[in-house]
N, C-alpha and C. Protein backbone atom coordinates (compact mmCIF):
# COMPACT_ATOMS: atom_id res chain seq x y z
N MET A 1 0.85 -1.24 -0.05
CA MET A 1 -0.05 0.05 -0.07
C MET A 1 0.89 1.18 0.07
N PRO A 2 0.53 2.08 -0.73
CA PRO A 2 1.59 3.43 -0.94
C PRO A 2 1.22 4.23 0.20
N GLU A 3 2.46 4.89 0.77
CA GLU A 3 2.24 6.02 1.71
C GLU A 3 1.71 7.28 0.90
N THR A 4 0.78 7.91 1.78
CA THR A 4 0.60 9.35 1.16
C THR A 4 1.33 10.08 2.01
N ALA A 5 1.56 11.26 1.46
CA ALA A 5 2.22 12.40 2.38
C ALA A 5 1.01 13.54 2.76
N THR A 6 1.41 13.57 4.02
CA THR A 6 0.41 14.70 4.53
C THR A 6 1.15 16.26 4.44
N ALA A 7 0.13 17.12 3.69
CA ALA A 7 0.56 18.21 3.43
C ALA A 7 0.26 19.44 4.66
N PHE A 8 1.18 20.19 5.18
CA PHE A 8 0.80 20.98 6.40
C PHE A 8 0.90 22.20 5.89
N GLU A 9 0.10 23.01 6.17
CA GLU A 9 -0.09 24.53 6.01
C GLU A 9 0.87 25.35 6.70
N PRO A 10 1.73 26.02 6.27
CA PRO A 10 2.79 26.88 7.00
C PRO A 10 1.96 27.65 8.03
N PHE A 11 2.59 27.70 9.33
CA PHE A 11 1.96 28.59 10.45
C PHE A 11 2.79 29.77 10.46
N TYR A 12 1.82 30.92 10.67
CA TYR A 12 2.33 32.28 10.65
C TYR A 12 1.63 32.80 11.98
N HIS A 13 2.49 34.01 12.12
CA HIS A 13 2.25 34.82 13.69
C HIS A 13 1.77 36.10 12.92
N ARG A 14 0.83 36.68 13.88
CA ARG A 14 0.62 38.18 13.56
C ARG A 14 1.25 39.32 14.04
N HIS A 15 1.68 40.25 13.33
CA HIS A 15 2.18 41.42 13.99
C HIS A 15 1.27 42.60 14.27
N TYR A 16 1.38 43.05 15.33
CA TYR A 16 0.48 44.31 15.68
C TYR A 16 1.30 45.68 16.07
N ILE A 17 0.65 46.75 15.68
CA ILE A 17 1.29 48.04 16.56
C ILE A 17 0.17 48.85 17.14
N THR A 18 0.49 49.56 17.82
CA THR A 18 -0.43 50.54 18.62
C THR A 18 0.15 51.88 18.14
N VAL A 19 -0.79 53.02 18.06
CA VAL A 19 -0.28 54.49 17.67
C VAL A 19 -0.89 55.31 18.50
N ASP A 20 -0.21 56.33 18.80
CA ASP A 20 -0.50 57.31 19.80
C ASP A 20 -1.46 58.56 19.18
N SER A 21 -1.98 59.41 19.81
CA SER A 21 -2.58 60.50 19.17
C SER A 21 -1.87 61.48 18.15
N ARG A 22 -0.46 61.42 18.35
CA ARG A 22 0.39 62.03 17.48
C ARG A 22 0.84 61.05 16.26
N ASP A 23 0.32 60.21 16.23
CA ASP A 23 0.46 59.07 14.71
C ASP A 23 1.72 58.64 15.02
N ARG A 24 2.42 58.50 16.29
CA ARG A 24 3.66 57.63 16.47
C ARG A 24 3.12 56.20 17.12
N ILE A 25 4.12 55.41 16.36
CA ILE A 25 3.75 54.16 16.99
C ILE A 25 4.24 54.12 18.58
N THR A 26 3.30 53.35 19.15
CA THR A 26 3.81 53.48 20.99
C THR A 26 4.32 51.89 21.48
N ALA A 27 3.80 50.76 20.53
CA ALA A 27 4.03 49.52 20.86
C ALA A 27 3.91 48.54 19.79
N VAL A 28 4.73 47.39 19.90
CA VAL A 28 4.63 46.79 18.50
C VAL A 28 5.11 45.27 19.12
N TRP A 29 4.22 44.11 18.89
CA TRP A 29 4.37 42.76 19.01
C TRP A 29 4.13 41.59 18.17
N SER A 30 4.30 40.66 18.57
CA SER A 30 4.01 39.34 17.64
C SER A 30 3.17 38.43 18.75
N ASN A 31 2.18 37.82 18.07
CA ASN A 31 1.39 36.87 18.78
C ASN A 31 2.10 35.27 19.17
N GLY A 32 3.44 35.54 18.54
CA GLY A 32 4.18 34.26 19.05
C GLY A 32 4.63 34.31 20.43
N PRO A 33 5.38 35.58 20.89
CA PRO A 33 6.00 35.40 22.21
C PRO A 33 4.47 35.85 23.05
N HIS A 34 3.44 36.60 22.56
CA HIS A 34 2.58 37.01 23.24
C HIS A 34 1.24 36.73 22.60
N PRO A 35 0.73 35.49 22.91
CA PRO A 35 -0.23 35.02 22.41
C PRO A 35 -1.62 35.47 22.92
N ASP A 36 -1.73 35.81 24.15
CA ASP A 36 -2.79 36.12 24.59
C ASP A 36 -3.13 37.50 25.07
N ARG A 37 -2.06 38.56 24.52
CA ARG A 37 -1.93 40.01 24.58
C ARG A 37 -3.39 40.72 24.03
N ASP A 38 -4.06 41.52 24.69
CA ASP A 38 -5.45 41.92 23.94
C ASP A 38 -5.13 42.82 22.61
N THR A 39 -5.60 42.63 21.74
CA THR A 39 -5.54 43.45 20.33
C THR A 39 -6.28 44.61 20.19
N SER A 40 -7.05 44.62 20.92
CA SER A 40 -8.16 45.52 20.87
C SER A 40 -7.60 46.93 20.82
N GLY A 41 -7.91 47.90 19.73
CA GLY A 41 -7.23 49.32 19.45
C GLY A 41 -5.67 48.88 18.93
N ALA A 42 -5.73 47.97 18.53
CA ALA A 42 -4.12 47.68 17.72
C ALA A 42 -4.47 47.34 16.15
N VAL A 43 -3.66 47.38 15.43
CA VAL A 43 -3.61 47.27 13.90
C VAL A 43 -2.70 45.99 13.87
N CYS A 44 -3.20 45.16 12.82
CA CYS A 44 -2.36 44.07 12.59
C CYS A 44 -1.70 44.44 11.19
N ILE A 45 -0.39 44.66 11.02
CA ILE A 45 0.26 44.98 9.96
C ILE A 45 1.01 43.96 9.20
N ASN A 46 0.75 42.62 9.68
CA ASN A 46 1.39 41.50 8.90
C ASN A 46 0.84 40.27 9.64
N ASP A 47 0.09 39.47 8.70
CA ASP A 47 -0.50 38.23 9.47
C ASP A 47 -0.01 37.17 8.67
N ARG A 48 1.33 37.39 8.30
CA ARG A 48 2.16 36.10 7.75
C ARG A 48 3.54 36.13 8.35
N GLY A 49 3.70 36.47 9.69
CA GLY A 49 5.17 36.97 9.85
C GLY A 49 5.63 35.95 10.68
N GLY A 50 6.95 35.78 11.22
CA GLY A 50 7.39 35.24 11.88
C GLY A 50 7.34 35.11 13.61
N CYS A 51 7.98 34.45 14.24
CA CYS A 51 7.59 34.59 15.66
C CYS A 51 7.81 36.00 16.33
N GLN A 52 9.12 36.65 15.73
CA GLN A 52 9.81 38.07 16.29
C GLN A 52 9.15 38.98 15.63
N PHE A 53 8.75 39.88 16.10
CA PHE A 53 8.14 41.23 15.48
C PHE A 53 9.21 41.98 14.79
N ARG A 54 9.03 42.37 13.67
CA ARG A 54 9.92 43.16 12.53
C ARG A 54 8.89 44.11 11.94
N LEU A 55 9.52 45.54 12.44
CA LEU A 55 8.52 46.50 11.90
C LEU A 55 8.65 46.59 10.25
N PHE A 56 9.94 46.22 9.63
CA PHE A 56 9.90 46.30 8.04
C PHE A 56 10.26 44.69 7.75
N PRO A 57 10.19 44.21 6.79
CA PRO A 57 10.54 42.54 6.35
C PRO A 57 11.91 42.58 6.66
N ASP A 58 13.05 43.29 6.34
CA ASP A 58 14.41 43.11 6.48
C ASP A 58 14.87 43.78 7.62
N GLY A 59 13.76 44.16 8.64
CA GLY A 59 14.32 44.95 9.60
C GLY A 59 14.94 44.49 11.10
N GLU A 60 15.18 44.88 11.96
CA GLU A 60 16.08 44.49 13.14
C GLU A 60 14.64 43.66 14.02
N LYS A 61 14.68 42.72 14.85
CA LYS A 61 13.87 42.15 15.77
C LYS A 61 13.38 43.10 16.85
N LYS A 62 12.38 43.22 17.42
CA LYS A 62 11.78 43.80 18.30
C LYS A 62 12.45 45.39 18.28
N PRO A 63 12.17 46.39 17.27
CA PRO A 63 12.70 47.56 17.18
C PRO A 63 12.37 48.63 18.26
N PRO A 64 13.23 49.72 18.24
CA PRO A 64 12.65 50.51 19.46
C PRO A 64 11.67 51.38 18.54
N VAL A 65 10.50 51.96 19.21
CA VAL A 65 9.66 52.69 18.91
C VAL A 65 9.34 53.83 19.88
N GLY A 66 8.42 54.84 19.44
CA GLY A 66 8.03 55.85 20.03
C GLY A 66 8.29 57.30 19.23
N GLN A 67 9.29 57.37 18.21
CA GLN A 67 9.40 58.18 17.42
C GLN A 67 9.23 58.10 16.15
N VAL A 68 8.72 56.55 15.66
CA VAL A 68 8.83 56.17 14.39
C VAL A 68 7.34 56.50 14.19
N PRO A 69 6.93 57.37 13.07
CA PRO A 69 5.76 57.73 12.43
C PRO A 69 4.95 56.43 12.01
N ALA A 70 3.86 56.26 12.10
CA ALA A 70 3.02 55.00 11.54
C ALA A 70 3.16 55.58 9.90
N GLY A 71 3.22 56.78 9.47
CA GLY A 71 3.42 56.95 8.11
C GLY A 71 4.59 56.02 7.41
N ALA A 72 5.50 55.97 8.18
CA ALA A 72 6.78 55.35 7.65
C ALA A 72 6.30 53.83 7.21
N LEU A 73 5.28 53.49 7.90
CA LEU A 73 4.69 51.83 7.30
C LEU A 73 3.97 52.20 5.85
N VAL A 74 3.24 53.25 5.87
CA VAL A 74 2.66 53.31 4.53
C VAL A 74 3.97 53.55 3.26
N ALA A 75 4.82 54.23 3.78
CA ALA A 75 5.84 54.23 2.43
C ALA A 75 6.57 52.95 2.30
N ALA A 76 6.51 52.16 3.52
CA ALA A 76 7.33 50.80 3.31
C ALA A 76 6.43 49.62 2.65
N GLY A 77 5.16 50.11 2.44
CA GLY A 77 4.03 49.43 1.69
C GLY A 77 3.37 48.26 2.83
N ARG A 78 3.87 48.43 4.13
CA ARG A 78 3.29 47.75 5.29
C ARG A 78 1.86 47.88 5.57
N LEU A 79 1.37 49.34 5.19
CA LEU A 79 0.28 49.62 5.70
C LEU A 79 -0.42 50.52 4.43
N THR A 80 -1.72 50.23 3.88
CA THR A 80 -2.41 51.10 2.63
C THR A 80 -2.50 52.32 3.40
N GLU A 81 -2.75 53.17 2.30
CA GLU A 81 -3.23 54.68 2.77
C GLU A 81 -4.81 54.59 3.65
N GLU A 82 -5.67 53.27 3.11
CA GLU A 82 -6.86 53.47 3.85
C GLU A 82 -6.51 52.99 5.59
N GLU A 83 -5.97 52.08 5.61
CA GLU A 83 -5.46 51.78 7.04
C GLU A 83 -4.47 52.66 7.49
N PHE A 84 -3.97 53.46 7.14
CA PHE A 84 -3.33 54.67 8.05
C PHE A 84 -4.20 55.62 8.25
N ARG A 85 -5.24 55.88 7.32
CA ARG A 85 -6.28 56.87 7.82
C ARG A 85 -6.95 56.39 8.87
N GLU A 86 -7.52 55.24 8.85
CA GLU A 86 -8.19 54.52 9.81
C GLU A 86 -7.62 54.68 11.42
N ILE A 87 -6.32 54.33 11.23
CA ILE A 87 -5.69 54.53 12.54
C ILE A 87 -5.63 55.81 13.05
N VAL A 88 -5.18 56.76 12.08
CA VAL A 88 -5.23 58.10 12.32
C VAL A 88 -6.44 58.62 13.12
N GLY A 89 -7.68 58.14 12.06
CA GLY A 89 -9.04 58.53 12.50
C GLY A 89 -9.29 58.04 14.14
N GLU A 90 -9.03 56.77 14.41
CA GLU A 90 -9.48 56.33 15.61
C GLU A 90 -8.69 57.27 16.76
N ASN A 91 -7.42 57.64 16.61
CA ASN A 91 -6.63 58.04 17.37
C ASN A 91 -6.88 59.73 17.92
N LYS A 92 -7.75 60.37 16.50
CA LYS A 92 -7.88 61.61 16.84
C LYS A 92 -9.22 61.72 17.48
N ALA A 93 -10.09 60.71 17.22
CA ALA A 93 -11.74 60.60 17.87
C ALA A 93 -11.67 60.86 19.35
């Protein structure tokens, strides 16, 4: 009887950010090391990431934040203009 190979779907982690009222990124995390962290008010910028958060695809792991404008993610193609406007709108309300 021939053996059949089992196909496994790749497992990805989600990468999240939160933004303050001045549109600066205030927190970043991956659900890999933080699976139970509350994501309300956060934006998922990557739903196919690795365990460690990276702000940009080839960027450093767990980068420092606080002075990084959310608009930088639009320029890098990590957020669409619509997603950015949604983040900014939520923080200005």
